[in-house]
Amino acid sequence: MELRLWEGRAPGAAGEDPCRDIPFLRVFPALGGSSAAPAVLLIPGGGYDRLTDAREQAPVAAYLSQTLHITTFVLYYRLAQPDGTYRYPVPMWDGQRALKLVRARAAGLGVDPQRIALLGFSAGGHLASTLALHSATDFGLPVHDAIDAEEGRPNLLALGYPVISMDPVSVPPSGSYRNLLRDYEGPELKHLQTYLSGEENVTSHTPPVFLFESMDDAKISPQNSVLFVSALKAKGIPVEAHLFTHGEHGAGLAIGIPEESAWPAMFQQWLISQHFVAR
């Protein structure tokens, strides 16, 4: 099943191309048919200009829905184009709308509106963390309806090898940085470098966090995760972080990868400890 985030044209849409201009959710119902299952909004990575699909989408969604009995919503958000279309804040509009849509339609979707988690990988981790850290804002969304009045804070936040920092002094700029902030400059760019750096925006309202990363990540600096974990601990936010010696960026469930392949079972135990899923 697929759900469009907006019934009509999405805010800021440049056209009606279903592959580029229409953000939507692909739904993986929880095995067992619970009338109030926990839900995960799964946000794949790809540098904000594409979506990785081989390992971060269907395999992870199937694991969550079939093994952990979590209704899972894979988010297909709009991607930054070479001309700057769909740069910041459009992906944030799509992500926040997705979370609020799931809450608004919880009864019809068979999910518990008080058990909704975000799980983001790589650039999707940046989007997920930004949504969690700035849940009280609408990122300048130009139009609103009843769904936009829903609570935007997730109950839990989970991140896999995430992009966190947009501060080029702290972490070398990634493709996510260049695509999301394309053509921003001057004071506006400086503001966004701080506003969109997760390590600079942790508050007492930040939900509990689960995070995993490999310290030999060859694509995204693990310093992203180190900075974020330090900031969470400094604010007293519950965080379970697994910084593996070895792993692969973009690994999804990391099947067959030493060390990193342990994360799904660790995640399950963390969800149990958070009373999000049953034993």
Protein backbone atom coordinates (compact mmCIF):
# COMPACT_ATOMS: atom_id res chain seq x y z
CA MET A 1 0.00 0.00 0.00
CA GLU A 2 1.16 3.54 -0.75
CA LEU A 3 0.00 6.82 0.77
CA ARG A 4 0.53 10.25 -0.76
CA LEU A 5 1.55 12.80 1.85
CA TRP A 6 -0.77 15.42 0.38
CA GLU A 7 -3.98 14.67 -1.51
CA GLY A 8 -3.30 17.46 -3.95
CA ARG A 9 -0.09 19.06 -5.14
CA ALA A 10 2.63 18.99 -2.48
CA PRO A 11 3.78 22.38 -1.19
CA GLY A 12 6.62 23.69 -3.34
CA ALA A 13 6.12 21.01 -6.00
CA ALA A 14 7.74 21.86 -9.33
CA GLY A 15 5.52 19.46 -11.29
CA GLU A 16 3.54 16.23 -11.10
CA ASP A 17 6.22 13.68 -11.95
CA PRO A 18 5.45 10.71 -9.64
CA CYS A 19 9.15 9.85 -9.40
CA ARG A 20 10.29 13.36 -8.49
CA ASP A 21 7.48 15.64 -7.34
CA ILE A 22 5.07 13.46 -5.30
CA PRO A 23 6.32 12.39 -1.86
CA PHE A 24 4.66 9.27 -0.46
CA LEU A 25 4.83 6.41 2.03
CA ARG A 26 5.09 2.70 1.27
CA VAL A 27 3.37 0.75 4.04
CA PHE A 28 4.56 -2.57 5.48
CA PRO A 29 1.81 -3.69 7.93
CA ALA A 30 2.83 -5.38 11.17
CA LEU A 31 2.64 -9.15 11.03
CA GLY A 32 -0.12 -10.29 13.36
CA GLY A 33 -2.71 -7.63 12.56
CA SER A 34 -2.68 -5.75 15.87
CA SER A 35 -5.23 -2.95 16.03
CA ALA A 36 -2.69 -0.67 17.68
CA ALA A 37 0.79 -1.72 16.61
CA PRO A 38 3.88 0.41 17.15
CA ALA A 39 5.01 2.27 14.03
CA VAL A 40 8.36 3.21 12.52
CA LEU A 41 8.85 5.88 9.90
CA LEU A 42 11.85 4.57 7.97
CA ILE A 43 13.90 7.23 6.17
CA PRO A 44 16.48 5.88 3.71
CA GLY A 45 19.68 7.73 2.87
CA GLY A 46 21.30 8.70 -0.40
CA GLY A 47 22.87 12.12 0.08
CA TYR A 48 19.60 14.06 -0.35
CA ASP A 49 19.87 13.72 -4.15
CA ARG A 50 18.86 10.04 -4.45
CA LEU A 51 17.41 7.25 -2.32
CA THR A 52 19.37 4.09 -1.62
CA ASP A 53 17.10 1.11 -2.13
CA ALA A 54 18.98 -2.20 -2.22
CA ARG A 55 19.48 -2.65 1.53
CA GLU A 56 17.92 0.21 3.49
CA GLN A 57 14.30 0.04 2.34
CA ALA A 58 12.42 -3.24 1.82
CA PRO A 59 14.82 -5.54 3.75
CA VAL A 60 14.76 -3.35 6.86
CA ALA A 61 11.02 -2.68 6.58
CA ALA A 62 10.33 -6.40 6.23
CA TYR A 63 12.45 -7.17 9.30
CA LEU A 64 10.62 -4.56 11.37
CA SER A 65 7.15 -5.56 10.22
CA GLN A 66 7.54 -9.35 10.18
CA THR A 67 10.01 -10.02 12.99
CA LEU A 68 9.32 -7.15 15.38
CA HIS A 69 5.61 -6.71 14.50
CA ILE A 70 6.02 -2.99 13.81
CA THR A 71 4.00 -1.30 11.08
CA THR A 72 6.66 0.36 8.98
CA PHE A 73 6.32 3.32 6.65
CA VAL A 74 9.15 3.88 4.17
CA LEU A 75 9.38 7.56 3.26
CA TYR A 76 10.02 8.58 -0.34
CA TYR A 77 10.83 12.24 0.11
CA ARG A 78 11.64 14.77 -2.56
CA LEU A 79 15.29 14.98 -3.55
CA ALA A 80 17.49 17.99 -4.23
CA GLN A 81 17.85 18.68 -7.95
CA PRO A 82 20.92 20.17 -9.70
CA ASP A 83 19.10 23.50 -10.10
CA GLY A 84 18.42 23.73 -6.36
CA THR A 85 14.81 22.55 -6.51
CA TYR A 86 13.89 20.58 -3.38
CA ARG A 87 16.91 21.69 -1.34
CA TYR A 88 16.29 22.64 2.32
CA PRO A 89 13.61 22.86 3.68
CA VAL A 90 11.57 20.65 1.30
CA PRO A 91 12.81 17.26 2.62
CA MET A 92 11.92 18.46 6.12
CA TRP A 93 8.41 19.37 4.98
CA ASP A 94 7.99 15.85 3.60
CA GLY A 95 9.42 14.12 6.67
CA GLN A 96 7.37 16.07 9.16
CA ARG A 97 4.22 15.64 7.10
CA ALA A 98 4.80 11.88 6.99
CA LEU A 99 5.08 11.61 10.77
CA LYS A 100 1.99 13.75 11.33
CA LEU A 101 0.03 11.85 8.68
CA VAL A 102 0.72 8.55 10.43
CA ARG A 103 -0.45 10.07 13.74
CA ALA A 104 -3.54 11.61 12.19
CA ARG A 105 -4.59 8.33 10.56
CA ALA A 106 -3.36 6.03 13.32
CA ALA A 107 -6.73 4.38 13.93
CA GLY A 108 -7.30 3.57 10.28
CA LEU A 109 -3.72 2.36 9.85
CA GLY A 110 -3.87 0.17 12.95
CA VAL A 111 -1.05 1.89 14.79
CA ASP A 112 -0.61 3.39 18.25
CA PRO A 113 -0.14 7.18 17.91
CA GLN A 114 1.90 7.18 21.13
CA ARG A 115 4.42 4.65 19.78
CA ILE A 116 5.88 6.19 16.64
CA ALA A 117 9.64 6.06 16.09
CA LEU A 118 11.90 7.48 13.43
CA LEU A 119 14.65 5.31 11.93
CA GLY A 120 17.00 7.06 9.53
CA PHE A 121 20.10 5.92 7.67
CA SER A 122 22.92 8.23 6.49
CA ALA A 123 21.28 11.36 4.99
CA GLY A 124 17.99 9.90 6.18
CA GLY A 125 19.53 9.93 9.65
CA HIS A 126 20.15 13.62 9.27
CA LEU A 127 16.55 14.16 8.23
CA ALA A 128 15.24 12.00 11.08
CA SER A 129 17.35 13.74 13.71
CA THR A 130 16.42 17.18 12.37
CA LEU A 131 12.73 16.31 12.60
CA ALA A 132 13.17 15.11 16.18
CA LEU A 133 15.26 18.09 17.28
CA HIS A 134 13.04 20.73 15.66
CA SER A 135 9.64 19.13 16.12
CA ALA A 136 8.12 22.37 17.40
CA THR A 137 8.70 24.19 14.10
CA ASP A 138 7.15 23.68 10.68
CA PHE A 139 10.31 24.62 8.74
CA GLY A 140 8.40 27.43 7.04
CA LEU A 141 5.73 25.20 5.47
CA PRO A 142 3.68 27.60 3.33
CA VAL A 143 0.27 25.89 3.60
CA HIS A 144 -1.40 23.97 6.42
CA ASP A 145 -4.36 21.69 7.05
CA ALA A 146 -5.66 19.65 9.98
CA ILE A 147 -2.91 17.04 9.66
CA ASP A 148 -0.24 19.70 10.21
CA ALA A 149 -1.71 20.40 13.66
CA GLU A 150 -0.69 16.93 14.88
CA GLU A 151 2.24 16.44 17.29
CA GLY A 152 5.51 16.33 15.34
CA ARG A 153 7.75 14.81 18.01
CA PRO A 154 8.59 11.12 17.56
CA ASN A 155 8.52 8.94 20.66
CA LEU A 156 11.92 7.43 19.82
CA LEU A 157 14.77 8.21 17.42
CA ALA A 158 17.02 5.58 15.84
CA LEU A 159 19.95 6.28 13.54
CA GLY A 160 22.25 4.16 11.40
CA TYR A 161 25.60 5.62 10.25
CA PRO A 162 23.96 9.08 10.21
CA VAL A 163 24.96 12.43 8.84
CA ILE A 164 24.53 14.78 11.80
CA SER A 165 26.66 17.89 11.44
CA MET A 166 26.40 20.60 8.80
CA ASP A 167 29.28 22.50 10.36
CA PRO A 168 32.21 22.26 7.90
CA VAL A 169 34.63 23.11 10.71
CA SER A 170 33.55 20.11 12.82
CA VAL A 171 32.98 17.54 10.06
CA PRO A 172 34.19 17.56 6.43
CA PRO A 173 31.26 18.58 4.16
CA SER A 174 29.48 15.57 2.66
CA GLY A 175 27.32 15.19 -0.41
CA SER A 176 24.33 15.62 1.90
CA TYR A 177 25.67 19.02 2.93
CA ARG A 178 26.26 20.14 -0.64
CA ASN A 179 22.88 18.96 -1.90
CA LEU A 180 20.72 20.12 0.99
CA LEU A 181 22.32 23.57 1.23
CA ARG A 182 22.94 24.10 -2.49
CA ASP A 183 23.27 27.81 -3.37
CA TYR A 184 22.79 29.06 0.19
CA GLU A 185 25.48 31.57 1.12
CA GLY A 186 26.41 34.36 3.51
CA PRO A 187 24.57 34.80 6.83
CA GLU A 188 21.76 32.48 5.74
CA LEU A 189 24.20 29.64 5.11
CA LYS A 190 25.95 30.31 8.41
CA HIS A 191 22.64 30.11 10.25
CA LEU A 192 21.68 26.82 8.57
CA GLN A 193 25.08 25.29 9.27
CA THR A 194 24.28 25.62 12.97
CA TYR A 195 20.51 25.05 12.84
CA LEU A 196 20.90 21.81 10.89
CA SER A 197 23.78 20.42 12.97
CA GLY A 198 22.24 17.94 15.37
CA GLU A 199 25.01 18.23 17.93
CA GLU A 200 24.16 21.93 18.36
CA ASN A 201 20.41 21.46 18.89
CA VAL A 202 19.89 18.78 21.53
CA THR A 203 17.43 19.87 24.24
CA SER A 204 15.64 18.28 27.18
CA HIS A 205 12.76 17.60 24.75
CA THR A 206 14.87 15.31 22.56
CA PRO A 207 13.49 11.73 22.59
CA PRO A 208 15.60 8.70 23.59
CA VAL A 209 18.09 7.69 20.91
CA PHE A 210 19.53 4.45 19.52
CA LEU A 211 22.53 4.84 17.22
CA PHE A 212 25.01 2.62 15.45
CA GLU A 213 28.04 3.47 13.32
CA SER A 214 31.30 1.85 12.24
CA MET A 215 34.47 3.72 13.09
CA ASP A 216 35.96 2.72 9.73
CA ASP A 217 33.03 4.21 7.76
CA ALA A 218 34.57 5.11 4.41
CA LYS A 219 31.77 7.40 3.17
CA ILE A 220 30.54 9.46 6.12
CA SER A 221 32.79 10.60 8.95
CA PRO A 222 32.01 8.71 12.17
CA GLN A 223 32.71 12.00 13.89
CA ASN A 224 29.07 12.80 13.13
CA SER A 225 27.97 10.09 15.55
CA VAL A 226 30.65 10.85 18.13
CA LEU A 227 29.61 14.50 18.32
CA PHE A 228 25.92 13.66 18.55
CA VAL A 229 26.36 11.05 21.28
CA SER A 230 28.46 13.48 23.30
CA ALA A 231 25.80 16.19 22.96
CA LEU A 232 23.02 13.79 24.00
CA LYS A 233 24.93 12.67 27.08
CA ALA A 234 25.70 16.27 28.01
CA LYS A 235 21.97 17.02 28.06
CA GLY A 236 21.06 13.85 29.92
CA ILE A 237 19.14 12.30 27.02
CA PRO A 238 18.97 8.48 27.17
CA VAL A 239 21.15 7.14 24.36
CA GLU A 240 22.31 3.66 23.42
CA ALA A 241 25.20 3.99 20.99
CA HIS A 242 27.13 1.22 19.29
CA LEU A 243 30.32 2.41 17.62
CA PHE A 244 31.62 -0.70 15.90
CA THR A 245 35.24 -1.09 14.87
CA HIS A 246 34.20 -2.44 11.48
CA GLY A 247 31.18 -2.03 9.23
CA GLU A 248 29.96 -0.80 5.87
CA HIS A 249 28.14 2.41 5.05
CA GLY A 250 24.74 1.75 3.51
CA ALA A 251 24.63 -1.79 4.88
CA GLY A 252 21.01 -1.80 6.02
CA LEU A 253 20.60 -4.93 8.16
CA ALA A 254 24.35 -5.57 7.65
CA ILE A 255 23.81 -9.28 7.07
CA GLY A 256 27.15 -11.09 6.95
CA ILE A 257 29.17 -8.05 8.04
CA PRO A 258 31.24 -8.72 11.17
CA GLU A 259 30.31 -6.60 14.19
CA GLU A 260 27.78 -4.37 12.43
CA SER A 261 25.41 -7.29 11.80
CA ALA A 262 24.64 -7.28 15.52
CA TRP A 263 22.71 -4.02 15.38
CA PRO A 264 19.20 -5.39 14.53
CA ALA A 265 19.14 -7.64 17.61
CA MET A 266 20.52 -4.78 19.73
CA PHE A 267 17.83 -2.51 18.36
CA GLN A 268 15.13 -5.03 19.23
CA GLN A 269 16.37 -5.24 22.82
CA TRP A 270 16.45 -1.46 23.05
CA LEU A 271 12.87 -1.22 21.78
CA ILE A 272 11.85 -3.74 24.44
CA SER A 273 13.63 -1.69 27.13
CA GLN A 274 11.75 1.39 25.93
CA HIS A 275 8.42 -0.49 26.18
CA PHE A 276 7.93 0.10 22.47
CA VAL A 277 7.57 -3.59 21.56
CA ALA A 278 6.80 -6.66 23.66
CA ARG A 279 9.33 -9.32 24.54
